[in-house]
Every structure is written in structure tokens, then in C-alpha cells.
């Protein structure tokens, strides 16, 4: 039986890249440029009031869900 650890993200203009946040939590991200750009674009559209709060949350949740196919477990050294 496999248990999945909870992963937390912080999104916003001053937050680390999506791939960097994943790496800090023990995952490598394939296609990191693609996913980082998707998150950046979503945050940018929200900051400029093009996306509503609910649509912003929906987009970020969809990005997290779809990106899971590119998550690779890695050893985190602390």
C-alpha cells in the first residue's frame, strides 16, 4: 500500500518557481519550463485582474493535477 505525502505550494508574484517548490519537497519535475510557464502565466493573469479568484484557483489546481505525471521522486539532502 502506497501512501502519498502532502505537497504544499505557494503561488504569487514573489513565490519560488513551481519546479523549485517541488524540488524542496523531494520531487524532480520533468518539463519544468512548461509547468513553470503555465503557473507564471496564470499568476500574471490573476494579478492583472483577467482571472477571477475562483478561476485562478481552478487553473492552479488543474496545473497541479495535470503536472503529476511529470513528478519524479528524488532524494532530498538536508
Protein backbone atom coordinates (compact mmCIF):
# COMPACT_ATOMS: atom_id res chain seq x y z
CA UNK A 1 0.00 0.00 0.00
CA UNK A 2 1.43 3.32 -1.05
CA UNK A 3 0.80 6.44 0.98
CA UNK A 4 1.15 9.78 -0.68
CA UNK A 5 2.78 12.67 1.15
CA UNK A 6 1.05 16.01 1.13
CA UNK A 7 2.73 18.60 -1.02
CA UNK A 8 2.18 22.32 -0.41
CA UNK A 9 2.60 25.23 -2.80
CA UNK A 10 2.68 28.99 -2.51
CA UNK A 11 1.63 30.92 -5.61
CA UNK A 12 2.15 34.61 -6.24
CA UNK A 13 4.49 37.17 -7.72
CA UNK A 14 7.18 36.65 -5.06
CA UNK A 15 6.89 32.86 -4.74
CA UNK A 16 9.55 30.42 -5.88
CA UNK A 17 9.03 28.67 -9.21
CA UNK A 18 6.67 25.69 -9.20
CA UNK A 19 9.56 23.33 -10.02
CA UNK A 20 11.73 24.78 -7.23
CA UNK A 21 8.95 24.27 -4.67
CA UNK A 22 8.55 20.66 -5.79
CA UNK A 23 12.30 20.09 -5.55
CA UNK A 24 12.31 21.42 -1.98
CA UNK A 25 9.70 18.78 -1.14
CA UNK A 26 11.58 15.86 -2.66
CA UNK A 27 10.40 15.76 -6.28
CA UNK A 28 12.03 16.47 -9.60
CA UNK A 29 9.81 17.84 -12.36
CA UNK A 30 10.17 16.79 -15.98
CA UNK A 31 9.28 19.54 -18.47
CA UNK A 32 9.84 22.09 -15.71
CA UNK A 33 9.91 25.03 -18.15
CA UNK A 34 6.44 24.14 -19.43
CA UNK A 35 4.92 23.88 -15.95
CA UNK A 36 6.74 26.94 -14.60
CA UNK A 37 5.44 28.98 -17.54
CA UNK A 38 1.90 27.70 -17.03
CA UNK A 39 1.96 28.76 -13.36
CA UNK A 40 3.64 32.09 -14.18
CA UNK A 41 1.03 32.87 -16.84
CA UNK A 42 -1.85 32.02 -14.50
CA UNK A 43 -0.43 34.18 -11.70
CA UNK A 44 0.19 37.03 -14.19
CA UNK A 45 -3.40 36.91 -15.46
CA UNK A 46 -4.72 36.92 -11.91
CA UNK A 47 -2.53 39.85 -10.82
CA UNK A 48 -3.86 41.90 -13.73
CA UNK A 49 -7.50 41.02 -12.90
CA UNK A 50 -8.06 38.97 -16.03
CA UNK A 51 -8.80 35.83 -13.98
CA UNK A 52 -11.29 35.86 -11.12
CA UNK A 53 -10.26 34.31 -7.81
CA UNK A 54 -12.33 31.20 -8.44
CA UNK A 55 -10.99 30.71 -11.98
CA UNK A 56 -7.44 31.32 -10.68
CA UNK A 57 -7.85 28.57 -8.07
CA UNK A 58 -9.37 26.25 -10.67
CA UNK A 59 -6.47 26.82 -13.08
CA UNK A 60 -3.80 26.26 -10.43
CA UNK A 61 -5.50 23.08 -9.19
CA UNK A 62 -5.70 21.81 -12.76
CA UNK A 63 -2.00 22.58 -13.34
CA UNK A 64 -1.05 20.68 -10.17
CA UNK A 65 -3.23 17.71 -11.13
CA UNK A 66 -2.03 17.52 -14.76
CA UNK A 67 1.65 18.03 -13.83
CA UNK A 68 1.70 14.99 -11.52
CA UNK A 69 2.56 12.76 -14.49
CA UNK A 70 5.91 14.61 -14.63
CA UNK A 71 6.77 14.37 -10.92
CA UNK A 72 9.73 12.15 -10.10
CA UNK A 73 10.68 11.17 -6.55
CA UNK A 74 14.18 12.29 -5.61
CA UNK A 75 16.37 12.18 -2.54
CA UNK A 76 16.33 15.46 -0.63
CA UNK A 77 19.53 16.19 1.25
CA UNK A 78 19.15 18.36 4.32
